[in-house]
Amino acid sequence: MKLSASDIKDLREKSGAGVIDCKKALEETCGDAEKALQLLKEKSLVKVQKKAQRETRQGLVASYIHTGGRVGAIIEVNCETDFVARTDEFKQLVHNLAMQVTAACPLCVTPEEMSKIPDAEASVCLLSQPFIKDPSKTVQDVINETIAKIGENIKVNRFSRFELNS
């Protein structure tokens, strides 16, 4: 089967996977871009699970203050190395997560923490919330995609949200 460079490029843009991985996925699925994208997602999930137990001692603390200065958040997101913490992709993720906390008002990071909150529902858990920039994905999906791209474990350690007069 002959694959065009534009097919590989399109899949790479959608998945964030490497060129060779995209080419192999398209070959395995006989050129079906949707099946190839699903295959790459499954493979990245395996990579994410393998990295889940790695220690995260580096990272960033970032803040987001919404226009008007009435609401904002500060968040700590950890990764494995300071090299990754300095990359634009990691910085963008942390900024987006701070924006997520500001906009979506989560009360905890993980579903396991929900037991500490009386009458909590799934929408109060940051990792389970629909991502504000792409509601078809959860926050955890976005973190998993970034883990697959950069090759390091990433964990949201904690956050705090502030709103004027609340």
Foldseek 3Di string as FASTA:
>chain_A
DDDDPVLLVVLCVVQVDDSVLSVVLCVVVVNDSVSSSVVSLVVLVVLQVVQQPDDWDAADWDKDADPPRFKIKIWTKTKRDVVVNPDPLRVVLRHQLRVCCRPQVADEADPVCCVVPPPDDQSNHQQQAQRPVGSVDGNVSVQSSVCSNVVIHMDTDDMDMDGPPD
